[in-house]
Amino acid sequence: MWFKKRITPHSLRHSYATHLIEAGVDLLEVQKILGHRSILTTLHYTHLTEQGQLNSQACLNQLMGQIQISWGKVK
């Protein structure tokens, strides 16, 4: 079996961090797990996968569906 994308320790680390975030692990905990001194470094490892994006969109759509606006007043 051949993979089209090159798999490196860096890509595995990146995927691990992303899956931790999507599983609900706090960003500061991920920072500790990865051994980063700066939270900004950890942010580089946290991108959303396609499923995560779809879940985020569904949550936002649900929240927006609950907002009722009547003549400039939010209910």
PDB file of N, CA and C in Angstrom:
ATOM      1  N   MET A   1       0.853  -1.188   0.000  1.00  0.00           N
ATOM      2  CA  MET A   1       0.000   0.000   0.000  1.00  0.00           C
ATOM      3  C   MET A   1       0.889   1.237   0.000  1.00  0.00           C
ATOM      4  N   TRP A   2       0.652   2.122  -0.935  1.00  0.00           N
ATOM      5  CA  TRP A   2       1.436   3.343  -1.055  1.00  0.00           C
ATOM      6  C   TRP A   2       0.585   4.543  -0.693  1.00  0.00           C
ATOM      7  N   PHE A   3       1.182   5.465   0.042  1.00  0.00           N
ATOM      8  CA  PHE A   3       0.504   6.694   0.417  1.00  0.00           C
ATOM      9  C   PHE A   3       0.938   7.805  -0.529  1.00  0.00           C
ATOM     10  N   LYS A   4      -0.009   8.617  -0.936  1.00  0.00           N
ATOM     11  CA  LYS A   4       0.310   9.726  -1.833  1.00  0.00           C
ATOM     12  C   LYS A   4       1.022  10.847  -1.094  1.00  0.00           C
ATOM     13  N   LYS A   5       0.688  11.027   0.188  1.00  0.00           N
ATOM     14  CA  LYS A   5       1.294  12.080   0.982  1.00  0.00           C
ATOM     15  C   LYS A   5       2.423  11.492   1.819  1.00  0.00           C
ATOM     16  N   ARG A   6       3.500  12.215   1.906  1.00  0.00           N
ATOM     17  CA  ARG A   6       4.643  11.754   2.686  1.00  0.00           C
ATOM     18  C   ARG A   6       4.306  11.847   4.177  1.00  0.00           C
ATOM     19  N   ILE A   7       4.549  10.773   4.901  1.00  0.00           N
ATOM     20  CA  ILE A   7       4.284  10.740   6.333  1.00  0.00           C
ATOM     21  C   ILE A   7       5.605  10.926   7.074  1.00  0.00           C
ATOM     22  N   THR A   8       5.628  11.951   7.934  1.00  0.00           N
ATOM     23  CA  THR A   8       6.823  12.264   8.710  1.00  0.00           C
ATOM     24  C   THR A   8       6.450  12.346  10.187  1.00  0.00           C
ATOM     25  N   PRO A   9       7.435  12.324  11.073  1.00  0.00           N
ATOM     26  CA  PRO A   9       7.128  12.525  12.497  1.00  0.00           C
ATOM     27  C   PRO A   9       6.389  13.845  12.733  1.00  0.00           C
ATOM     28  N   HIS A  10       6.761  14.870  11.981  1.00  0.00           N
ATOM     29  CA  HIS A  10       6.097  16.171  12.112  1.00  0.00           C
ATOM     30  C   HIS A  10       4.619  16.078  11.728  1.00  0.00           C
ATOM     31  N   SER A  11       4.311  15.383  10.636  1.00  0.00           N
ATOM     32  CA  SER A  11       2.911  15.280  10.219  1.00  0.00           C
ATOM     33  C   SER A  11       2.103  14.451  11.213  1.00  0.00           C
ATOM     34  N   LEU A  12       2.707  13.427  11.795  1.00  0.00           N
ATOM     35  CA  LEU A  12       2.019  12.634  12.822  1.00  0.00           C
ATOM     36  C   LEU A  12       1.744  13.476  14.066  1.00  0.00           C
ATOM     37  N   ARG A  13       2.715  14.286  14.461  1.00  0.00           N
ATOM     38  CA  ARG A  13       2.558  15.176  15.617  1.00  0.00           C
ATOM     39  C   ARG A  13       1.452  16.186  15.360  1.00  0.00           C
ATOM     40  N   HIS A  14       1.427  16.723  14.149  1.00  0.00           N
ATOM     41  CA  HIS A  14       0.405  17.698  13.754  1.00  0.00           C
ATOM     42  C   HIS A  14      -0.987  17.054  13.815  1.00  0.00           C
ATOM     43  N   SER A  15      -1.107  15.864  13.266  1.00  0.00           N
ATOM     44  CA  SER A  15      -2.386  15.150  13.279  1.00  0.00           C
ATOM     45  C   SER A  15      -2.829  14.832  14.705  1.00  0.00           C
ATOM     46  N   TYR A  16      -1.899  14.409  15.538  1.00  0.00           N
ATOM     47  CA  TYR A  16      -2.196  14.090  16.936  1.00  0.00           C
ATOM     48  C   TYR A  16      -2.758  15.311  17.653  1.00  0.00           C
ATOM     49  N   ALA A  17      -2.099  16.450  17.488  1.00  0.00           N
ATOM     50  CA  ALA A  17      -2.560  17.685  18.131  1.00  0.00           C
ATOM     51  C   ALA A  17      -3.953  18.076  17.635  1.00  0.00           C
ATOM     52  N   THR A  18      -4.175  17.955  16.355  1.00  0.00           N
ATOM     53  CA  THR A  18      -5.477  18.294  15.780  1.00  0.00           C
ATOM     54  C   THR A  18      -6.568  17.397  16.344  1.00  0.00           C
ATOM     55  N   HIS A  19      -6.308  16.106  16.429  1.00  0.00           N
ATOM     56  CA  HIS A  19      -7.304  15.173  16.961  1.00  0.00           C
ATOM     57  C   HIS A  19      -7.567  15.419  18.440  1.00  0.00           C
ATOM     58  N   LEU A  20      -6.548  15.805  19.194  1.00  0.00           N
ATOM     59  CA  LEU A  20      -6.758  16.146  20.599  1.00  0.00           C
ATOM     60  C   LEU A  20      -7.708  17.335  20.731  1.00  0.00           C
ATOM     61  N   ILE A  21      -7.477  18.364  19.926  1.00  0.00           N
ATOM     62  CA  ILE A  21      -8.336  19.564  19.972  1.00  0.00           C
ATOM     63  C   ILE A  21      -9.763  19.198  19.593  1.00  0.00           C
ATOM     64  N   GLU A  22      -9.934  18.418  18.542  1.00  0.00           N
ATOM     65  CA  GLU A  22     -11.280  18.032  18.105  1.00  0.00           C
ATOM     66  C   GLU A  22     -11.973  17.131  19.119  1.00  0.00           C
ATOM     67  N   ALA A  23     -11.198  16.427  19.940  1.00  0.00           N
ATOM     68  CA  ALA A  23     -11.780  15.568  20.973  1.00  0.00           C
ATOM     69  C   ALA A  23     -12.148  16.372  22.218  1.00  0.00           C
ATOM     70  N   GLY A  24     -11.843  17.675  22.197  1.00  0.00           N
ATOM     71  CA  GLY A  24     -12.223  18.531  23.307  1.00  0.00           C
ATOM     72  C   GLY A  24     -11.137  18.777  24.332  1.00  0.00           C
ATOM     73  N   VAL A  25      -9.917  18.341  24.050  1.00  0.00           N
ATOM     74  CA  VAL A  25      -8.809  18.592  24.974  1.00  0.00           C
ATOM     75  C   VAL A  25      -8.471  20.082  24.921  1.00  0.00           C
ATOM     76  N   ASP A  26      -8.306  20.679  26.079  1.00  0.00           N
ATOM     77  CA  ASP A  26      -8.011  22.109  26.192  1.00  0.00           C
ATOM     78  C   ASP A  26      -6.678  22.434  25.516  1.00  0.00           C
ATOM     79  N   LEU A  27      -6.610  23.593  24.876  1.00  0.00           N
ATOM     80  CA  LEU A  27      -5.417  23.996  24.144  1.00  0.00           C
ATOM     81  C   LEU A  27      -4.192  24.062  25.059  1.00  0.00           C
ATOM     82  N   LEU A  28      -4.379  24.490  26.300  1.00  0.00           N
ATOM     83  CA  LEU A  28      -3.252  24.541  27.236  1.00  0.00           C
ATOM     84  C   LEU A  28      -2.739  23.146  27.578  1.00  0.00           C
ATOM     85  N   GLU A  29      -3.641  22.179  27.630  1.00  0.00           N
ATOM     86  CA  GLU A  29      -3.223  20.792  27.864  1.00  0.00           C
ATOM     87  C   GLU A  29      -2.440  20.263  26.668  1.00  0.00           C
ATOM     88  N   VAL A  30      -2.895  20.591  25.473  1.00  0.00           N
ATOM     89  CA  VAL A  30      -2.175  20.169  24.271  1.00  0.00           C
ATOM     90  C   VAL A  30      -0.779  20.792  24.271  1.00  0.00           C
ATOM     91  N   GLN A  31      -0.699  22.048  24.696  1.00  0.00           N
ATOM     92  CA  GLN A  31       0.601  22.721  24.795  1.00  0.00           C
ATOM     93  C   GLN A  31       1.538  21.945  25.720  1.00  0.00           C
ATOM     94  N   LYS A  32       1.018  21.519  26.863  1.00  0.00           N
ATOM     95  CA  LYS A  32       1.834  20.748  27.815  1.00  0.00           C
ATOM     96  C   LYS A  32       2.247  19.402  27.215  1.00  0.00           C
ATOM     97  N   ILE A  33       1.303  18.724  26.566  1.00  0.00           N
ATOM     98  CA  ILE A  33       1.591  17.412  25.977  1.00  0.00           C
ATOM     99  C   ILE A  33       2.692  17.513  24.923  1.00  0.00           C
ATOM    100  N   LEU A  34       2.619  18.563  24.101  1.00  0.00           N
ATOM    101  CA  LEU A  34       3.603  18.734  23.033  1.00  0.00           C
ATOM    102  C   LEU A  34       4.916  19.339  23.526  1.00  0.00           C
ATOM    103  N   GLY A  35       4.892  19.886  24.760  1.00  0.00           N
ATOM    104  CA  GLY A  35       6.109  20.456  25.329  1.00  0.00           C
ATOM    105  C   GLY A  35       6.471  21.823  24.795  1.00  0.00           C
ATOM    106  N   HIS A  36       5.485  22.578  24.356  1.00  0.00           N
ATOM    107  CA  HIS A  36       5.749  23.918  23.831  1.00  0.00           C
ATOM    108  C   HIS A  36       5.846  24.932  24.964  1.00  0.00           C
ATOM    109  N   ARG A  37       6.755  25.873  24.829  1.00  0.00           N
ATOM    110  CA  ARG A  37       6.847  26.969  25.799  1.00  0.00           C
ATOM    111  C   ARG A  37       5.783  28.026  25.512  1.00  0.00           C
ATOM    112  N   SER A  38       5.514  28.248  24.251  1.00  0.00           N
ATOM    113  CA  SER A  38       4.563  29.290  23.846  1.00  0.00           C
ATOM    114  C   SER A  38       3.289  28.660  23.290  1.00  0.00           C
ATOM    115  N   ILE A  39       2.152  29.221  23.697  1.00  0.00           N
ATOM    116  CA  ILE A  39       0.862  28.769  23.171  1.00  0.00           C
ATOM    117  C   ILE A  39       0.770  29.053  21.674  1.00  0.00           C
ATOM    118  N   LEU A  40       1.481  30.068  21.210  1.00  0.00           N
ATOM    119  CA  LEU A  40       1.461  30.407  19.783  1.00  0.00           C
ATOM    120  C   LEU A  40       2.041  29.276  18.938  1.00  0.00           C
ATOM    121  N   THR A  41       3.043  28.590  19.477  1.00  0.00           N
ATOM    122  CA  THR A  41       3.618  27.445  18.769  1.00  0.00           C
ATOM    123  C   THR A  41       2.582  26.340  18.644  1.00  0.00           C
ATOM    124  N   THR A  42       1.815  26.123  19.705  1.00  0.00           N
ATOM    125  CA  THR A  42       0.795  25.078  19.701  1.00  0.00           C
ATOM    126  C   THR A  42      -0.290  25.386  18.675  1.00  0.00           C
ATOM    127  N   LEU A  43      -0.617  26.649  18.492  1.00  0.00           N
ATOM    128  CA  LEU A  43      -1.646  27.034  17.529  1.00  0.00           C
ATOM    129  C   LEU A  43      -1.315  26.584  16.114  1.00  0.00           C
ATOM    130  N   HIS A  44      -0.036  26.466  15.803  1.00  0.00           N
ATOM    131  CA  HIS A  44       0.364  26.014  14.467  1.00  0.00           C
ATOM    132  C   HIS A  44      -0.055  24.568  14.204  1.00  0.00           C
ATOM    133  N   TYR A  45      -0.251  23.804  15.266  1.00  0.00           N
ATOM    134  CA  TYR A  45      -0.603  22.402  15.132  1.00  0.00           C
ATOM    135  C   TYR A  45      -2.106  22.170  15.113  1.00  0.00           C
ATOM    136  N   THR A  46      -2.872  23.196  15.307  1.00  0.00           N
ATOM    137  CA  THR A  46      -4.309  23.007  15.502  1.00  0.00           C
ATOM    138  C   THR A  46      -5.105  23.542  14.318  1.00  0.00           C
ATOM    139  N   HIS A  47      -5.293  22.739  13.340  1.00  0.00           N
ATOM    140  CA  HIS A  47      -6.187  23.076  12.242  1.00  0.00           C
ATOM    141  C   HIS A  47      -7.357  22.096  12.300  1.00  0.00           C
ATOM    142  N   LEU A  48      -8.465  22.505  11.727  1.00  0.00           N
ATOM    143  CA  LEU A  48      -9.650  21.650  11.742  1.00  0.00           C
ATOM    144  C   LEU A  48      -9.661  20.727  10.534  1.00  0.00           C
ATOM    145  N   THR A  49     -10.045  19.508  10.755  1.00  0.00           N
ATOM    146  CA  THR A  49     -10.237  18.597   9.635  1.00  0.00           C
ATOM    147  C   THR A  49     -11.582  18.917   8.992  1.00  0.00           C
ATOM    148  N   GLU A  50     -11.855  18.307   7.882  1.00  0.00           N
ATOM    149  CA  GLU A  50     -13.116  18.557   7.176  1.00  0.00           C
ATOM    150  C   GLU A  50     -14.320  18.236   8.058  1.00  0.00           C
ATOM    151  N   GLN A  51     -14.267  17.130   8.799  1.00  0.00           N
ATOM    152  CA  GLN A  51     -15.383  16.765   9.679  1.00  0.00           C
ATOM    153  C   GLN A  51     -15.540  17.794  10.800  1.00  0.00           C
ATOM    154  N   GLY A  52     -14.427  18.283  11.323  1.00  0.00           N
ATOM    155  CA  GLY A  52     -14.479  19.314  12.357  1.00  0.00           C
ATOM    156  C   GLY A  52     -15.114  20.587  11.854  1.00  0.00           C
ATOM    157  N   GLN A  53     -14.811  20.955  10.624  1.00  0.00           N
ATOM    158  CA  GLN A  53     -15.406  22.144  10.023  1.00  0.00           C
ATOM    159  C   GLN A  53     -16.908  21.967   9.861  1.00  0.00           C
ATOM    160  N   LEU A  54     -17.317  20.785   9.424  1.00  0.00           N
ATOM    161  CA  LEU A  54     -18.752  20.525   9.262  1.00  0.00           C
ATOM    162  C   LEU A  54     -19.472  20.582  10.603  1.00  0.00           C
ATOM    163  N   ASN A  55     -18.857  20.026  11.646  1.00  0.00           N
ATOM    164  CA  ASN A  55     -19.448  20.078  12.980  1.00  0.00           C
ATOM    165  C   ASN A  55     -19.566  21.511  13.470  1.00  0.00           C
ATOM    166  N   SER A  56     -18.536  22.314  13.231  1.00  0.00           N
ATOM    167  CA  SER A  56     -18.554  23.713  13.639  1.00  0.00           C
ATOM    168  C   SER A  56     -19.657  24.469  12.917  1.00  0.00           C
ATOM    169  N   GLN A  57     -19.779  24.232  11.619  1.00  0.00           N
ATOM    170  CA  GLN A  57     -20.820  24.894  10.842  1.00  0.00           C
ATOM    171  C   GLN A  57     -22.204  24.514  11.337  1.00  0.00           C
ATOM    172  N   ALA A  58     -22.401  23.249  11.661  1.00  0.00           N
ATOM    173  CA  ALA A  58     -23.702  22.790  12.147  1.00  0.00           C
ATOM    174  C   ALA A  58     -24.049  23.454  13.476  1.00  0.00           C
ATOM    175  N   CYS A  59     -23.071  23.578  14.372  1.00  0.00           N
ATOM    176  CA  CYS A  59     -23.305  24.235  15.663  1.00  0.00           C
ATOM    177  C   CYS A  59     -23.653  25.710  15.469  1.00  0.00           C
ATOM    178  N   LEU A  60     -22.908  26.376  14.605  1.00  0.00           N
ATOM    179  CA  LEU A  60     -23.187  27.797  14.341  1.00  0.00           C
ATOM    180  C   LEU A  60     -24.569  27.990  13.709  1.00  0.00           C
ATOM    181  N   ASN A  61     -24.908  27.124  12.764  1.00  0.00           N
ATOM    182  CA  ASN A  61     -26.229  27.223  12.133  1.00  0.00           C
ATOM    183  C   ASN A  61     -27.347  27.007  13.140  1.00  0.00           C
ATOM    184  N   GLN A  62     -27.136  26.073  14.058  1.00  0.00           N
ATOM    185  CA  GLN A  62     -28.146  25.820  15.085  1.00  0.00           C
ATOM    186  C   GLN A  62     -28.306  27.039  15.997  1.00  0.00           C
ATOM    187  N   LEU A  63     -27.189  27.633  16.395  1.00  0.00           N
ATOM    188  CA  LEU A  63     -27.256  28.830  17.236  1.00  0.00           C
ATOM    189  C   LEU A  63     -27.941  29.987  16.515  1.00  0.00           C
ATOM    190  N   MET A  64     -27.593  30.181  15.256  1.00  0.00           N
ATOM    191  CA  MET A  64     -28.181  31.281  14.488  1.00  0.00           C
ATOM    192  C   MET A  64     -29.677  31.061  14.289  1.00  0.00           C
ATOM    193  N   GLY A  65     -30.097  29.809  14.191  1.00  0.00           N
ATOM    194  CA  GLY A  65     -31.510  29.500  14.026  1.00  0.00           C
ATOM    195  C   GLY A  65     -32.326  29.823  15.269  1.00  0.00           C
ATOM    196  N   GLN A  66     -31.678  29.943  16.419  1.00  0.00           N
ATOM    197  CA  GLN A  66     -32.369  30.232  17.666  1.00  0.00           C
ATOM    198  C   GLN A  66     -32.551  31.730  17.913  1.00  0.00           C
ATOM    199  N   ILE A  67     -31.873  32.553  17.131  1.00  0.00           N
ATOM    200  CA  ILE A  67     -31.960  34.006  17.317  1.00  0.00           C
ATOM    201  C   ILE A  67     -33.161  34.541  16.566  1.00  0.00           C
ATOM    202  N   GLN A  68     -33.983  35.306  17.290  1.00  0.00           N
ATOM    203  CA  GLN A  68     -35.144  35.944  16.679  1.00  0.00           C
ATOM    204  C   GLN A  68     -34.972  37.456  16.775  1.00  0.00           C
ATOM    205  N   ILE A  69     -35.081  38.115  15.653  1.00  0.00           N
ATOM    206  CA  ILE A  69     -34.919  39.564  15.628  1.00  0.00           C
ATOM    207  C   ILE A  69     -36.240  40.182  15.180  1.00  0.00           C
ATOM    208  N   SER A  70     -36.716  41.131  15.957  1.00  0.00           N
ATOM    209  CA  SER A  70     -37.954  41.816  15.649  1.00  0.00           C
ATOM    210  C   SER A  70     -37.741  43.318  15.784  1.00  0.00           C
ATOM    211  N   TRP A  71     -37.747  44.006  14.680  1.00  0.00           N
ATOM    212  CA  TRP A  71     -37.574  45.447  14.631  1.00  0.00           C
ATOM    213  C   TRP A  71     -36.374  45.922  15.460  1.00  0.00           C
ATOM    214  N   GLY A  72     -35.254  45.261  15.245  1.00  0.00           N
ATOM    215  CA  GLY A  72     -34.004  45.686  15.896  1.00  0.00           C
ATOM    216  C   GLY A  72     -33.843  45.187  17.320  1.00  0.00           C
ATOM    217  N   LYS A  73     -34.777  44.432  17.819  1.00  0.00           N
ATOM    218  CA  LYS A  73     -34.654  43.892  19.179  1.00  0.00           C
ATOM    219  C   LYS A  73     -34.331  42.413  19.108  1.00  0.00           C
ATOM    220  N   VAL A  74     -33.353  41.997  19.904  1.00  0.00           N
ATOM    221  CA  VAL A  74     -32.992  40.594  19.954  1.00  0.00           C
ATOM    222  C   VAL A  74     -33.807  39.935  21.063  1.00  0.00           C
ATOM    223  N   LYS A  75     -34.462  38.847  20.750  1.00  0.00           N
ATOM    224  CA  LYS A  75     -35.267  38.129  21.752  1.00  0.00           C
ATOM    225  C   LYS A  75     -34.544  36.884  22.189  1.00  0.00           C
TER     226      LYS A  75
END
